Amino acid sequence: MTEGAYLYILRCADGSYYIGTTRTELEIRVAQHNAGTFAGYTKSRRPVTLAFSQWFDRITDAIECERKLKKWSRAKKEAFMRGDFAELHELAKRGSHHPSRRPPSAGPRDEG
């Protein structure tokens, strides 16, 4: 067995994303999720489709990336999947604030 692994992102039937890693072929892993093989997040959100995958030469790197992505907002995940690194950079600069929310230090909003 090789040292590497895939990072993969599934789009669930409810529109949410599931992020995982596998050494298994992606087609097999997606089929396992769709068969309900795994008792977890995707079992009640089937069918799922593969939205993104990336090969890592070391499984530890794939797992590290998985853990990082799971903490990201939906917008950052979608920018990452599109390969839109400029947008990803902008979203990262905003931090965890929702784009439509003002930072706590902001004054009254001018709605006019």
PDB file of N, CA and C in Angstrom:
ATOM      1  N   MET A   1       0.843  -1.181   0.000  1.00  0.00           N
ATOM      2  CA  MET A   1       0.000   0.000   0.000  1.00  0.00           C
ATOM      3  C   MET A   1       0.886   1.241   0.000  1.00  0.00           C
ATOM      4  N   THR A   2       0.453   2.242  -0.718  1.00  0.00           N
ATOM      5  CA  THR A   2       1.240   3.464  -0.808  1.00  0.00           C
ATOM      6  C   THR A   2       1.117   4.279   0.472  1.00  0.00           C
ATOM      7  N   GLU A   3       2.000   5.229   0.617  1.00  0.00           N
ATOM      8  CA  GLU A   3       2.009   6.108   1.783  1.00  0.00           C
ATOM      9  C   GLU A   3       0.956   7.210   1.682  1.00  0.00           C
ATOM     10  N   GLY A   4       0.506   7.488   0.472  1.00  0.00           N
ATOM     11  CA  GLY A   4      -0.359   8.635   0.243  1.00  0.00           C
ATOM     12  C   GLY A   4      -1.827   8.372   0.480  1.00  0.00           C
ATOM     13  N   ALA A   5      -2.606   9.447   0.281  1.00  0.00           N
ATOM     14  CA  ALA A   5      -4.052   9.363   0.467  1.00  0.00           C
ATOM     15  C   ALA A   5      -4.717  10.518  -0.266  1.00  0.00           C
ATOM     16  N   TYR A   6      -6.009  10.349  -0.504  1.00  0.00           N
ATOM     17  CA  TYR A   6      -6.831  11.408  -1.070  1.00  0.00           C
ATOM     18  C   TYR A   6      -7.510  12.195   0.043  1.00  0.00           C
ATOM     19  N   LEU A   7      -7.563  13.490  -0.140  1.00  0.00           N
ATOM     20  CA  LEU A   7      -8.487  14.345   0.576  1.00  0.00           C
ATOM     21  C   LEU A   7      -9.681  14.442  -0.356  1.00  0.00           C
ATOM     22  N   TYR A   8     -10.892  14.304   0.174  1.00  0.00           N
ATOM     23  CA  TYR A   8     -12.050  14.428  -0.702  1.00  0.00           C
ATOM     24  C   TYR A   8     -13.149  15.220  -0.011  1.00  0.00           C
ATOM     25  N   ILE A   9     -13.952  15.885  -0.841  1.00  0.00           N
ATOM     26  CA  ILE A   9     -15.100  16.635  -0.344  1.00  0.00           C
ATOM     27  C   ILE A   9     -16.322  16.125  -1.094  1.00  0.00           C
ATOM     28  N   LEU A  10     -17.322  15.713  -0.320  1.00  0.00           N
ATOM     29  CA  LEU A  10     -18.579  15.241  -0.892  1.00  0.00           C
ATOM     30  C   LEU A  10     -19.642  16.309  -0.725  1.00  0.00           C
ATOM     31  N   ARG A  11     -20.478  16.454  -1.739  1.00  0.00           N
ATOM     32  CA  ARG A  11     -21.663  17.306  -1.631  1.00  0.00           C
ATOM     33  C   ARG A  11     -22.811  16.375  -1.283  1.00  0.00           C
ATOM     34  N   CYS A  12     -23.439  16.641  -0.157  1.00  0.00           N
ATOM     35  CA  CYS A  12     -24.529  15.800   0.315  1.00  0.00           C
ATOM     36  C   CYS A  12     -25.860  16.251  -0.288  1.00  0.00           C
ATOM     37  N   ALA A  13     -26.865  15.395  -0.187  1.00  0.00           N
ATOM     38  CA  ALA A  13     -28.185  15.689  -0.756  1.00  0.00           C
ATOM     39  C   ALA A  13     -28.794  16.962  -0.173  1.00  0.00           C
ATOM     40  N   ASP A  14     -28.457  17.298   1.078  1.00  0.00           N
ATOM     41  CA  ASP A  14     -28.998  18.505   1.699  1.00  0.00           C
ATOM     42  C   ASP A  14     -28.173  19.755   1.377  1.00  0.00           C
ATOM     43  N   GLY A  15     -27.157  19.604   0.521  1.00  0.00           N
ATOM     44  CA  GLY A  15     -26.327  20.737   0.114  1.00  0.00           C
ATOM     45  C   GLY A  15     -25.114  20.966   0.997  1.00  0.00           C
ATOM     46  N   SER A  16     -25.006  20.238   2.091  1.00  0.00           N
ATOM     47  CA  SER A  16     -23.853  20.390   2.971  1.00  0.00           C
ATOM     48  C   SER A  16     -22.660  19.642   2.386  1.00  0.00           C
ATOM     49  N   TYR A  17     -21.507  19.860   2.977  1.00  0.00           N
ATOM     50  CA  TYR A  17     -20.275  19.206   2.532  1.00  0.00           C
ATOM     51  C   TYR A  17     -19.750  18.270   3.620  1.00  0.00           C
ATOM     52  N   TYR A  18     -19.167  17.192   3.159  1.00  0.00           N
ATOM     53  CA  TYR A  18     -18.469  16.263   4.052  1.00  0.00           C
ATOM     54  C   TYR A  18     -17.031  16.190   3.566  1.00  0.00           C
ATOM     55  N   ILE A  19     -16.083  16.291   4.477  1.00  0.00           N
ATOM     56  CA  ILE A  19     -14.666  16.247   4.129  1.00  0.00           C
ATOM     57  C   ILE A  19     -14.048  15.023   4.775  1.00  0.00           C
ATOM     58  N   GLY A  20     -13.305  14.260   3.988  1.00  0.00           N
ATOM     59  CA  GLY A  20     -12.656  13.074   4.513  1.00  0.00           C
ATOM     60  C   GLY A  20     -11.357  12.778   3.799  1.00  0.00           C
ATOM     61  N   THR A  21     -10.679  11.740   4.266  1.00  0.00           N
ATOM     62  CA  THR A  21      -9.462  11.254   3.623  1.00  0.00           C
ATOM     63  C   THR A  21      -9.599   9.758   3.437  1.00  0.00           C
ATOM     64  N   THR A  22      -8.918   9.243   2.416  1.00  0.00           N
ATOM     65  CA  THR A  22      -8.957   7.806   2.161  1.00  0.00           C
ATOM     66  C   THR A  22      -7.746   7.376   1.361  1.00  0.00           C
ATOM     67  N   ARG A  23      -7.346   6.150   1.599  1.00  0.00           N
ATOM     68  CA  ARG A  23      -6.334   5.507   0.754  1.00  0.00           C
ATOM     69  C   ARG A  23      -7.013   4.666  -0.322  1.00  0.00           C
ATOM     70  N   THR A  24      -8.308   4.484  -0.169  1.00  0.00           N
ATOM     71  CA  THR A  24      -9.120   3.719  -1.114  1.00  0.00           C
ATOM     72  C   THR A  24      -9.330   4.534  -2.389  1.00  0.00           C
ATOM     73  N   GLU A  25      -9.592   3.847  -3.494  1.00  0.00           N
ATOM     74  CA  GLU A  25      -9.948   4.555  -4.728  1.00  0.00           C
ATOM     75  C   GLU A  25     -11.195   5.401  -4.466  1.00  0.00           C
ATOM     76  N   LEU A  26     -11.243   6.584  -5.042  1.00  0.00           N
ATOM     77  CA  LEU A  26     -12.338   7.510  -4.758  1.00  0.00           C
ATOM     78  C   LEU A  26     -13.707   6.956  -5.147  1.00  0.00           C
ATOM     79  N   GLU A  27     -13.780   6.267  -6.283  1.00  0.00           N
ATOM     80  CA  GLU A  27     -15.066   5.716  -6.722  1.00  0.00           C
ATOM     81  C   GLU A  27     -15.608   4.736  -5.691  1.00  0.00           C
ATOM     82  N   ILE A  28     -14.717   3.935  -5.122  1.00  0.00           N
ATOM     83  CA  ILE A  28     -15.119   2.972  -4.094  1.00  0.00           C
ATOM     84  C   ILE A  28     -15.580   3.704  -2.840  1.00  0.00           C
ATOM     85  N   ARG A  29     -14.834   4.731  -2.421  1.00  0.00           N
ATOM     86  CA  ARG A  29     -15.196   5.456  -1.205  1.00  0.00           C
ATOM     87  C   ARG A  29     -16.540   6.157  -1.356  1.00  0.00           C
ATOM     88  N   VAL A  30     -16.788   6.796  -2.496  1.00  0.00           N
ATOM     89  CA  VAL A  30     -18.073   7.463  -2.716  1.00  0.00           C
ATOM     90  C   VAL A  30     -19.198   6.433  -2.688  1.00  0.00           C
ATOM     91  N   ALA A  31     -18.977   5.284  -3.327  1.00  0.00           N
ATOM     92  CA  ALA A  31     -19.981   4.211  -3.325  1.00  0.00           C
ATOM     93  C   ALA A  31     -20.251   3.724  -1.895  1.00  0.00           C
ATOM     94  N   GLN A  32     -19.203   3.643  -1.077  1.00  0.00           N
ATOM     95  CA  GLN A  32     -19.390   3.228   0.319  1.00  0.00           C
ATOM     96  C   GLN A  32     -20.256   4.235   1.072  1.00  0.00           C
ATOM     97  N   HIS A  33     -20.003   5.514   0.854  1.00  0.00           N
ATOM     98  CA  HIS A  33     -20.832   6.540   1.494  1.00  0.00           C
ATOM     99  C   HIS A  33     -22.279   6.421   1.020  1.00  0.00           C
ATOM    100  N   ASN A  34     -22.481   6.240  -0.286  1.00  0.00           N
ATOM    101  CA  ASN A  34     -23.834   6.148  -0.826  1.00  0.00           C
ATOM    102  C   ASN A  34     -24.559   4.873  -0.397  1.00  0.00           C
ATOM    103  N   ALA A  35     -23.816   3.831  -0.086  1.00  0.00           N
ATOM    104  CA  ALA A  35     -24.416   2.581   0.390  1.00  0.00           C
ATOM    105  C   ALA A  35     -24.747   2.652   1.876  1.00  0.00           C
ATOM    106  N   GLY A  36     -24.329   3.703   2.541  1.00  0.00           N
ATOM    107  CA  GLY A  36     -24.575   3.828   3.974  1.00  0.00           C
ATOM    108  C   GLY A  36     -23.638   2.981   4.811  1.00  0.00           C
ATOM    109  N   THR A  37     -22.485   2.627   4.241  1.00  0.00           N
ATOM    110  CA  THR A  37     -21.505   1.786   4.930  1.00  0.00           C
ATOM    111  C   THR A  37     -21.011   2.434   6.218  1.00  0.00           C
ATOM    112  N   PHE A  38     -20.902   3.747   6.208  1.00  0.00           N
ATOM    113  CA  PHE A  38     -20.368   4.461   7.358  1.00  0.00           C
ATOM    114  C   PHE A  38     -21.506   5.063   8.172  1.00  0.00           C
ATOM    115  N   ALA A  39     -21.577   4.696   9.442  1.00  0.00           N
ATOM    116  CA  ALA A  39     -22.572   5.288  10.335  1.00  0.00           C
ATOM    117  C   ALA A  39     -22.039   6.635  10.772  1.00  0.00           C
ATOM    118  N   GLY A  40     -22.509   7.669  10.155  1.00  0.00           N
ATOM    119  CA  GLY A  40     -22.007   8.992  10.485  1.00  0.00           C
ATOM    120  C   GLY A  40     -22.730  10.050   9.683  1.00  0.00           C
ATOM    121  N   TYR A  41     -22.039  11.120   9.425  1.00  0.00           N
ATOM    122  CA  TYR A  41     -22.623  12.321   8.832  1.00  0.00           C
ATOM    123  C   TYR A  41     -23.350  12.050   7.515  1.00  0.00           C
ATOM    124  N   THR A  42     -22.741  11.301   6.613  1.00  0.00           N
ATOM    125  CA  THR A  42     -23.326  11.145   5.276  1.00  0.00           C
ATOM    126  C   THR A  42     -24.471  10.143   5.217  1.00  0.00           C
ATOM    127  N   LYS A  43     -24.586   9.277   6.203  1.00  0.00           N
ATOM    128  CA  LYS A  43     -25.599   8.213   6.131  1.00  0.00           C
ATOM    129  C   LYS A  43     -27.012   8.770   5.971  1.00  0.00           C
ATOM    130  N   SER A  44     -27.318   9.856   6.655  1.00  0.00           N
ATOM    131  CA  SER A  44     -28.663  10.439   6.566  1.00  0.00           C
ATOM    132  C   SER A  44     -28.740  11.556   5.530  1.00  0.00           C
ATOM    133  N   ARG A  45     -27.673  11.752   4.757  1.00  0.00           N
ATOM    134  CA  ARG A  45     -27.633  12.845   3.777  1.00  0.00           C
ATOM    135  C   ARG A  45     -27.328  12.332   2.377  1.00  0.00           C
ATOM    136  N   ARG A  46     -27.752  11.125   2.093  1.00  0.00           N
ATOM    137  CA  ARG A  46     -27.501  10.519   0.785  1.00  0.00           C
ATOM    138  C   ARG A  46     -28.587  10.914  -0.207  1.00  0.00           C
ATOM    139  N   PRO A  47     -28.267  10.902  -1.497  1.00  0.00           N
ATOM    140  CA  PRO A  47     -26.976  10.516  -2.074  1.00  0.00           C
ATOM    141  C   PRO A  47     -25.946  11.637  -1.965  1.00  0.00           C
ATOM    142  N   VAL A  48     -24.690  11.233  -2.062  1.00  0.00           N
ATOM    143  CA  VAL A  48     -23.579  12.180  -2.059  1.00  0.00           C
ATOM    144  C   VAL A  48     -22.884  12.115  -3.414  1.00  0.00           C
ATOM    145  N   THR A  49     -22.256  13.213  -3.780  1.00  0.00           N
ATOM    146  CA  THR A  49     -21.466  13.248  -5.016  1.00  0.00           C
ATOM    147  C   THR A  49     -20.095  13.833  -4.685  1.00  0.00           C
ATOM    148  N   LEU A  50     -19.108  13.397  -5.423  1.00  0.00           N
ATOM    149  CA  LEU A  50     -17.754  13.897  -5.234  1.00  0.00           C
ATOM    150  C   LEU A  50     -17.665  15.309  -5.792  1.00  0.00           C
ATOM    151  N   ALA A  51     -17.322  16.260  -4.938  1.00  0.00           N
ATOM    152  CA  ALA A  51     -17.206  17.662  -5.343  1.00  0.00           C
ATOM    153  C   ALA A  51     -15.759  18.059  -5.584  1.00  0.00           C
ATOM    154  N   PHE A  52     -14.823  17.395  -4.879  1.00  0.00           N
ATOM    155  CA  PHE A  52     -13.416  17.781  -4.964  1.00  0.00           C
ATOM    156  C   PHE A  52     -12.566  16.638  -4.440  1.00  0.00           C
ATOM    157  N   SER A  53     -11.383  16.499  -5.022  1.00  0.00           N
ATOM    158  CA  SER A  53     -10.401  15.561  -4.469  1.00  0.00           C
ATOM    159  C   SER A  53      -8.995  16.055  -4.784  1.00  0.00           C
ATOM    160  N   GLN A  54      -8.077  15.678  -3.915  1.00  0.00           N
ATOM    161  CA  GLN A  54      -6.672  16.024  -4.107  1.00  0.00           C
ATOM    162  C   GLN A  54      -5.829  14.903  -3.518  1.00  0.00           C
ATOM    163  N   TRP A  55      -4.826  14.471  -4.264  1.00  0.00           N
ATOM    164  CA  TRP A  55      -3.914  13.427  -3.799  1.00  0.00           C
ATOM    165  C   TRP A  55      -2.778  14.049  -2.997  1.00  0.00           C
ATOM    166  N   PHE A  56      -2.433  13.423  -1.897  1.00  0.00           N
ATOM    167  CA  PHE A  56      -1.279  13.810  -1.087  1.00  0.00           C
ATOM    168  C   PHE A  56      -0.329  12.624  -1.020  1.00  0.00           C
ATOM    169  N   ASP A  57       0.940  12.881  -1.165  1.00  0.00           N
ATOM    170  CA  ASP A  57       1.928  11.804  -1.121  1.00  0.00           C
ATOM    171  C   ASP A  57       2.052  11.184   0.269  1.00  0.00           C
ATOM    172  N   ARG A  58       1.684  11.954   1.285  1.00  0.00           N
ATOM    173  CA  ARG A  58       1.729  11.435   2.658  1.00  0.00           C
ATOM    174  C   ARG A  58       0.347  11.570   3.289  1.00  0.00           C
ATOM    175  N   ILE A  59      -0.142  10.491   3.878  1.00  0.00           N
ATOM    176  CA  ILE A  59      -1.472  10.533   4.491  1.00  0.00           C
ATOM    177  C   ILE A  59      -1.542  11.570   5.604  1.00  0.00           C
ATOM    178  N   THR A  60      -0.441  11.784   6.293  1.00  0.00           N
ATOM    179  CA  THR A  60      -0.446  12.778   7.364  1.00  0.00           C
ATOM    180  C   THR A  60      -0.738  14.179   6.825  1.00  0.00           C
ATOM    181  N   ASP A  61      -0.268  14.472   5.615  1.00  0.00           N
ATOM    182  CA  ASP A  61      -0.556  15.772   4.993  1.00  0.00           C
ATOM    183  C   ASP A  61      -2.034  15.872   4.619  1.00  0.00           C
ATOM    184  N   ALA A  62      -2.612  14.772   4.120  1.00  0.00           N
ATOM    185  CA  ALA A  62      -4.036  14.759   3.775  1.00  0.00           C
ATOM    186  C   ALA A  62      -4.890  14.985   5.018  1.00  0.00           C
ATOM    187  N   ILE A  63      -4.535  14.322   6.112  1.00  0.00           N
ATOM    188  CA  ILE A  63      -5.284  14.462   7.361  1.00  0.00           C
ATOM    189  C   ILE A  63      -5.157  15.875   7.911  1.00  0.00           C
ATOM    190  N   GLU A  64      -3.966  16.453   7.832  1.00  0.00           N
ATOM    191  CA  GLU A  64      -3.761  17.829   8.284  1.00  0.00           C
ATOM    192  C   GLU A  64      -4.637  18.797   7.494  1.00  0.00           C
ATOM    193  N   CYS A  65      -4.701  18.618   6.188  1.00  0.00           N
ATOM    194  CA  CYS A  65      -5.525  19.475   5.340  1.00  0.00           C
ATOM    195  C   CYS A  65      -7.010  19.273   5.669  1.00  0.00           C
ATOM    196  N   GLU A  66      -7.416  18.031   5.878  1.00  0.00           N
ATOM    197  CA  GLU A  66      -8.809  17.729   6.243  1.00  0.00           C
ATOM    198  C   GLU A  66      -9.203  18.478   7.512  1.00  0.00           C
ATOM    199  N   ARG A  67      -8.375  18.404   8.527  1.00  0.00           N
ATOM    200  CA  ARG A  67      -8.676  19.071   9.798  1.00  0.00           C
ATOM    201  C   ARG A  67      -8.785  20.579   9.639  1.00  0.00           C
ATOM    202  N   LYS A  68      -7.918  21.146   8.806  1.00  0.00           N
ATOM    203  CA  LYS A  68      -7.947  22.585   8.557  1.00  0.00           C
ATOM    204  C   LYS A  68      -9.240  22.973   7.836  1.00  0.00           C
ATOM    205  N   LEU A  69      -9.574  22.236   6.770  1.00  0.00           N
ATOM    206  CA  LEU A  69     -10.760  22.567   5.972  1.00  0.00           C
ATOM    207  C   LEU A  69     -12.052  22.440   6.766  1.00  0.00           C
ATOM    208  N   LYS A  70     -12.118  21.488   7.673  1.00  0.00           N
ATOM    209  CA  LYS A  70     -13.340  21.286   8.462  1.00  0.00           C
ATOM    210  C   LYS A  70     -13.660  22.504   9.326  1.00  0.00           C
ATOM    211  N   LYS A  71     -12.681  23.322   9.624  1.00  0.00           N
ATOM    212  CA  LYS A  71     -12.889  24.523  10.441  1.00  0.00           C
ATOM    213  C   LYS A  71     -13.294  25.725   9.598  1.00  0.00           C
ATOM    214  N   TRP A  72     -13.190  25.621   8.291  1.00  0.00           N
ATOM    215  CA  TRP A  72     -13.448  26.748   7.405  1.00  0.00           C
ATOM    216  C   TRP A  72     -14.932  26.964   7.182  1.00  0.00           C
ATOM    217  N   SER A  73     -15.270  28.191   6.799  1.00  0.00           N
ATOM    218  CA  SER A  73     -16.641  28.522   6.414  1.00  0.00           C
ATOM    219  C   SER A  73     -16.970  27.850   5.082  1.00  0.00           C
ATOM    220  N   ARG A  74     -18.245  27.790   4.802  1.00  0.00           N
ATOM    221  CA  ARG A  74     -18.702  27.238   3.519  1.00  0.00           C
ATOM    222  C   ARG A  74     -18.094  28.024   2.349  1.00  0.00           C
ATOM    223  N   ALA A  75     -18.076  29.350   2.467  1.00  0.00           N
ATOM    224  CA  ALA A  75     -17.532  30.196   1.389  1.00  0.00           C
ATOM    225  C   ALA A  75     -16.064  29.879   1.129  1.00  0.00           C
ATOM    226  N   LYS A  76     -15.285  29.691   2.192  1.00  0.00           N
ATOM    227  CA  LYS A  76     -13.865  29.358   2.011  1.00  0.00           C
ATOM    228  C   LYS A  76     -13.706  27.979   1.382  1.00  0.00           C
ATOM    229  N   LYS A  77     -14.520  27.013   1.808  1.00  0.00           N
ATOM    230  CA  LYS A  77     -14.457  25.674   1.217  1.00  0.00           C
ATOM    231  C   LYS A  77     -14.770  25.733  -0.275  1.00  0.00           C
ATOM    232  N   GLU A  78     -15.787  26.505  -0.638  1.00  0.00           N
ATOM    233  CA  GLU A  78     -16.172  26.602  -2.050  1.00  0.00           C
ATOM    234  C   GLU A  78     -15.111  27.305  -2.874  1.00  0.00           C
ATOM    235  N   ALA A  79     -14.486  28.341  -2.343  1.00  0.00           N
ATOM    236  CA  ALA A  79     -13.390  29.019  -3.044  1.00  0.00           C
ATOM    237  C   ALA A  79     -12.220  28.056  -3.232  1.00  0.00           C
ATOM    238  N   PHE A  80     -11.917  27.278  -2.202  1.00  0.00           N
ATOM    239  CA  PHE A  80     -10.847  26.282  -2.276  1.00  0.00           C
ATOM    240  C   PHE A  80     -11.134  25.258  -3.378  1.00  0.00           C
ATOM    241  N   MET A  81     -12.366  24.749  -3.416  1.00  0.00           N
ATOM    242  CA  MET A  81     -12.727  23.745  -4.423  1.00  0.00           C
ATOM    243  C   MET A  81     -12.645  24.313  -5.839  1.00  0.00           C
ATOM    244  N   ARG A  82     -12.983  25.595  -5.992  1.00  0.00           N
ATOM    245  CA  ARG A  82     -12.893  26.236  -7.313  1.00  0.00           C
ATOM    246  C   ARG A  82     -11.462  26.566  -7.698  1.00  0.00           C
ATOM    247  N   GLY A  83     -10.562  26.529  -6.723  1.00  0.00           N
ATOM    248  CA  GLY A  83      -9.191  26.948  -6.985  1.00  0.00           C
ATOM    249  C   GLY A  83      -9.082  28.461  -7.050  1.00  0.00           C
ATOM    250  N   ASP A  84     -10.031  29.162  -6.448  1.00  0.00           N
ATOM    251  CA  ASP A  84     -10.066  30.625  -6.454  1.00  0.00           C
ATOM    252  C   ASP A  84      -9.278  31.134  -5.246  1.00  0.00           C
ATOM    253  N   PHE A  85      -7.964  31.146  -5.385  1.00  0.00           N
ATOM    254  CA  PHE A  85      -7.106  31.484  -4.267  1.00  0.00           C
ATOM    255  C   PHE A  85      -7.135  32.966  -3.926  1.00  0.00           C
ATOM    256  N   ALA A  86      -7.482  33.818  -4.887  1.00  0.00           N
ATOM    257  CA  ALA A  86      -7.639  35.243  -4.581  1.00  0.00           C
ATOM    258  C   ALA A  86      -8.828  35.431  -3.646  1.00  0.00           C
ATOM    259  N   GLU A  87      -9.945  34.785  -3.952  1.00  0.00           N
ATOM    260  CA  GLU A  87     -11.132  34.860  -3.086  1.00  0.00           C
ATOM    261  C   GLU A  87     -10.845  34.223  -1.733  1.00  0.00           C
ATOM    262  N   LEU A  88     -10.149  33.110  -1.734  1.00  0.00           N
ATOM    263  CA  LEU A  88      -9.792  32.434  -0.493  1.00  0.00           C
ATOM    264  C   LEU A  88      -8.959  33.360   0.396  1.00  0.00           C
ATOM    265  N   HIS A  89      -8.034  34.073  -0.214  1.00  0.00           N
ATOM    266  CA  HIS A  89      -7.200  35.024   0.519  1.00  0.00           C
ATOM    267  C   HIS A  89      -8.050  36.147   1.114  1.00  0.00           C
ATOM    268  N   GLU A  90      -8.996  36.668   0.325  1.00  0.00           N
ATOM    269  CA  GLU A  90      -9.880  37.732   0.817  1.00  0.00           C
ATOM    270  C   GLU A  90     -10.736  37.231   1.973  1.00  0.00           C
ATOM    271  N   LEU A  91     -11.283  36.035   1.850  1.00  0.00           N
ATOM    272  CA  LEU A  91     -12.106  35.476   2.916  1.00  0.00           C
ATOM    273  C   LEU A  91     -11.283  35.242   4.180  1.00  0.00           C
ATOM    274  N   ALA A  92     -10.049  34.830   4.006  1.00  0.00           N
ATOM    275  CA  ALA A  92      -9.168  34.602   5.151  1.00  0.00           C
ATOM    276  C   ALA A  92      -8.871  35.915   5.873  1.00  0.00           C
ATOM    277  N   LYS A  93      -8.729  37.004   5.119  1.00  0.00           N
ATOM    278  CA  LYS A  93      -8.461  38.309   5.731  1.00  0.00           C
ATOM    279  C   LYS A  93      -9.649  38.769   6.565  1.00  0.00           C
ATOM    280  N   ARG A  94     -10.844  38.375   6.166  1.00  0.00           N
ATOM    281  CA  ARG A  94     -12.052  38.760   6.900  1.00  0.00           C
ATOM    282  C   ARG A  94     -12.182  37.998   8.211  1.00  0.00           C
ATOM    283  N   GLY A  95     -11.457  36.919   8.327  1.00  0.00           N
ATOM    284  CA  GLY A  95     -11.556  36.100   9.536  1.00  0.00           C
ATOM    285  C   GLY A  95     -12.839  35.307   9.541  1.00  0.00           C
ATOM    286  N   SER A  96     -13.358  35.079  10.709  1.00  0.00           N
ATOM    287  CA  SER A  96     -14.560  34.260  10.823  1.00  0.00           C
ATOM    288  C   SER A  96     -15.836  35.084  10.768  1.00  0.00           C
ATOM    289  N   HIS A  97     -15.710  36.392  10.538  1.00  0.00           N
ATOM    290  CA  HIS A  97     -16.894  37.242  10.478  1.00  0.00           C
ATOM    291  C   HIS A  97     -17.704  36.931   9.239  1.00  0.00           C
ATOM    292  N   HIS A  98     -18.991  36.916   9.396  1.00  0.00           N
ATOM    293  CA  HIS A  98     -19.893  36.745   8.258  1.00  0.00           C
ATOM    294  C   HIS A  98     -19.769  37.995   7.398  1.00  0.00           C
ATOM    295  N   PRO A  99     -19.725  37.855   6.055  1.00  0.00           N
ATOM    296  CA  PRO A  99     -19.503  39.016   5.192  1.00  0.00           C
ATOM    297  C   PRO A  99     -20.520  40.139   5.389  1.00  0.00           C
ATOM    298  N   SER A 100     -21.745  39.834   5.801  1.00  0.00           N
ATOM    299  CA  SER A 100     -22.750  40.877   5.930  1.00  0.00           C
ATOM    300  C   SER A 100     -22.793  41.474   7.331  1.00  0.00           C
ATOM    301  N   ARG A 101     -21.990  40.945   8.245  1.00  0.00           N
ATOM    302  CA  ARG A 101     -21.980  41.450   9.616  1.00  0.00           C
ATOM    303  C   ARG A 101     -20.861  42.452   9.805  1.00  0.00           C
ATOM    304  N   ARG A 102     -21.138  43.467  10.611  1.00  0.00           N
ATOM    305  CA  ARG A 102     -20.120  44.456  10.923  1.00  0.00           C
ATOM    306  C   ARG A 102     -19.236  43.929  12.037  1.00  0.00           C
ATOM    307  N   PRO A 103     -17.985  44.311  12.032  1.00  0.00           N
ATOM    308  CA  PRO A 103     -17.138  43.967  13.182  1.00  0.00           C
ATOM    309  C   PRO A 103     -17.688  44.664  14.418  1.00  0.00           C
ATOM    310  N   PRO A 104     -17.462  44.117  15.608  1.00  0.00           N
ATOM    311  CA  PRO A 104     -18.010  44.706  16.845  1.00  0.00           C
ATOM    312  C   PRO A 104     -17.600  46.152  17.038  1.00  0.00           C
ATOM    313  N   SER A 105     -16.466  46.585  16.532  1.00  0.00           N
ATOM    314  CA  SER A 105     -16.003  47.957  16.752  1.00  0.00           C
ATOM    315  C   SER A 105     -16.585  48.952  15.765  1.00  0.00           C
ATOM    316  N   ALA A 106     -17.341  48.479  14.793  1.00  0.00           N
ATOM    317  CA  ALA A 106     -17.889  49.373  13.770  1.00  0.00           C
ATOM    318  C   ALA A 106     -18.992  50.254  14.347  1.00  0.00           C
ATOM    319  N   GLY A 107     -19.067  51.458  13.849  1.00  0.00           N
ATOM    320  CA  GLY A 107     -20.111  52.384  14.275  1.00  0.00           C
ATOM    321  C   GLY A 107     -21.419  52.072  13.583  1.00  0.00           C
ATOM    322  N   PRO A 108     -22.402  52.958  13.718  1.00  0.00           N
ATOM    323  CA  PRO A 108     -23.688  52.738  13.078  1.00  0.00           C
ATOM    324  C   PRO A 108     -23.536  52.643  11.563  1.00  0.00           C
ATOM    325  N   ARG A 109     -24.340  51.794  10.980  1.00  0.00           N
ATOM    326  CA  ARG A 109     -24.299  51.589   9.522  1.00  0.00           C
ATOM    327  C   ARG A 109     -25.132  52.670   8.844  1.00  0.00           C
ATOM    328  N   ASP A 110     -24.581  53.261   7.782  1.00  0.00           N
ATOM    329  CA  ASP A 110     -25.295  54.246   6.981  1.00  0.00           C
ATOM    330  C   ASP A 110     -26.089  53.494   5.923  1.00  0.00           C
ATOM    331  N   GLU A 111     -27.380  53.419   6.101  1.00  0.00           N
ATOM    332  CA  GLU A 111     -28.238  52.645   5.195  1.00  0.00           C
ATOM    333  C   GLU A 111     -28.676  53.473   3.988  1.00  0.00           C
ATOM    334  N   GLY A 112     -28.366  54.741   3.938  1.00  0.00           N
ATOM    335  CA  GLY A 112     -28.869  55.643   2.906  1.00  0.00           C
ATOM    336  C   GLY A 112     -28.209  55.594   1.636  1.00  0.00           C
TER     337      GLY A 112
END
